[in-house]
């Protein structure tokens, strides 16, 4: 158990998504950026889009 928040930055551009997984203890610039493109039947793009949509649905105006 720990109290560290683990997260990814997710950026969507039409049928492309960039995911920047933030590794604990590493500066942002030392973490990879993963590029996924929508392909029918592929699961990784849909997985990150569900996460992205989940976050947007729970957002509120600033």
C-alpha atoms as a PDB file:
ATOM      1  CA  UNK A   1       0.000   0.000   0.000  1.00  0.00           C
ATOM      2  CA  UNK A   2       1.118   3.549  -0.682  1.00  0.00           C
ATOM      3  CA  UNK A   3      -0.393   7.013  -0.974  1.00  0.00           C
ATOM      4  CA  UNK A   4       1.228   7.942  -4.285  1.00  0.00           C
ATOM      5  CA  UNK A   5      -1.048   9.004  -7.148  1.00  0.00           C
ATOM      6  CA  UNK A   6      -0.065   7.128 -10.313  1.00  0.00           C
ATOM      7  CA  UNK A   7      -1.323   8.541 -13.583  1.00  0.00           C
ATOM      8  CA  UNK A   8      -0.937   8.997 -17.332  1.00  0.00           C
ATOM      9  CA  UNK A   9      -1.372  12.086 -19.451  1.00  0.00           C
ATOM     10  CA  UNK A  10      -3.678  11.265 -22.368  1.00  0.00           C
ATOM     11  CA  UNK A  11      -3.918  13.470 -25.462  1.00  0.00           C
ATOM     12  CA  UNK A  12      -6.361  12.634 -28.249  1.00  0.00           C
ATOM     13  CA  UNK A  13      -6.149  13.848 -31.838  1.00  0.00           C
ATOM     14  CA  UNK A  14      -8.941  12.286 -33.943  1.00  0.00           C
ATOM     15  CA  UNK A  15      -7.821   8.676 -34.487  1.00  0.00           C
ATOM     16  CA  UNK A  16      -4.524   9.087 -32.642  1.00  0.00           C
ATOM     17  CA  UNK A  17      -3.845   9.110 -28.932  1.00  0.00           C
ATOM     18  CA  UNK A  18      -0.600   9.988 -27.154  1.00  0.00           C
ATOM     19  CA  UNK A  19      -0.107   8.536 -23.678  1.00  0.00           C
ATOM     20  CA  UNK A  20       2.622   9.745 -21.350  1.00  0.00           C
ATOM     21  CA  UNK A  21       2.891   7.295 -18.435  1.00  0.00           C
ATOM     22  CA  UNK A  22       4.455   9.059 -15.456  1.00  0.00           C
ATOM     23  CA  UNK A  23       6.929   6.750 -13.717  1.00  0.00           C
ATOM     24  CA  UNK A  24       7.341   7.422 -10.014  1.00  0.00           C
ATOM     25  CA  UNK A  25      10.622   9.209  -9.255  1.00  0.00           C
ATOM     26  CA  UNK A  26      11.391  10.169 -12.861  1.00  0.00           C
ATOM     27  CA  UNK A  27      11.057  13.675 -14.311  1.00  0.00           C
ATOM     28  CA  UNK A  28       8.415  14.058 -17.016  1.00  0.00           C
ATOM     29  CA  UNK A  29      11.004  14.418 -19.776  1.00  0.00           C
ATOM     30  CA  UNK A  30      12.477  11.021 -18.931  1.00  0.00           C
ATOM     31  CA  UNK A  31       9.188   9.172 -19.408  1.00  0.00           C
ATOM     32  CA  UNK A  32       8.145   7.736 -22.768  1.00  0.00           C
ATOM     33  CA  UNK A  33       5.308   8.983 -24.944  1.00  0.00           C
ATOM     34  CA  UNK A  34       3.326   6.118 -26.455  1.00  0.00           C
ATOM     35  CA  UNK A  35       1.488   6.682 -29.752  1.00  0.00           C
ATOM     36  CA  UNK A  36      -1.611   4.615 -30.477  1.00  0.00           C
ATOM     37  CA  UNK A  37      -3.711   4.890 -33.625  1.00  0.00           C
ATOM     38  CA  UNK A  38      -7.287   3.686 -33.899  1.00  0.00           C
ATOM     39  CA  UNK A  39      -7.503   0.377 -35.710  1.00  0.00           C
ATOM     40  CA  UNK A  40     -10.801  -1.522 -35.869  1.00  0.00           C
ATOM     41  CA  UNK A  41     -10.685  -4.369 -33.364  1.00  0.00           C
ATOM     42  CA  UNK A  42      -7.573  -3.077 -31.578  1.00  0.00           C
ATOM     43  CA  UNK A  43      -8.030  -2.806 -27.819  1.00  0.00           C
ATOM     44  CA  UNK A  44      -5.300  -0.438 -26.601  1.00  0.00           C
ATOM     45  CA  UNK A  45      -6.705   2.703 -28.258  1.00  0.00           C
ATOM     46  CA  UNK A  46     -10.203   1.924 -26.912  1.00  0.00           C
ATOM     47  CA  UNK A  47      -8.780   1.248 -23.445  1.00  0.00           C
ATOM     48  CA  UNK A  48      -7.247   4.725 -23.204  1.00  0.00           C
ATOM     49  CA  UNK A  49     -10.320   6.366 -24.755  1.00  0.00           C
ATOM     50  CA  UNK A  50     -12.520   4.806 -22.043  1.00  0.00           C
ATOM     51  CA  UNK A  51     -10.194   6.316 -19.447  1.00  0.00           C
ATOM     52  CA  UNK A  52     -10.262   9.682 -21.243  1.00  0.00           C
ATOM     53  CA  UNK A  53     -14.088   9.644 -21.501  1.00  0.00           C
ATOM     54  CA  UNK A  54     -14.436   8.581 -17.865  1.00  0.00           C
ATOM     55  CA  UNK A  55     -12.454  11.638 -16.796  1.00  0.00           C
ATOM     56  CA  UNK A  56     -14.352  14.056 -19.053  1.00  0.00           C
ATOM     57  CA  UNK A  57     -17.743  12.760 -17.868  1.00  0.00           C
ATOM     58  CA  UNK A  58     -16.804  13.493 -14.251  1.00  0.00           C
ATOM     59  CA  UNK A  59     -15.363  16.939 -14.913  1.00  0.00           C
ATOM     60  CA  UNK A  60     -16.992  20.165 -13.813  1.00  0.00           C
ATOM     61  CA  UNK A  61     -16.665  23.772 -14.953  1.00  0.00           C
ATOM     62  CA  UNK A  62     -13.812  25.763 -13.420  1.00  0.00           C
END
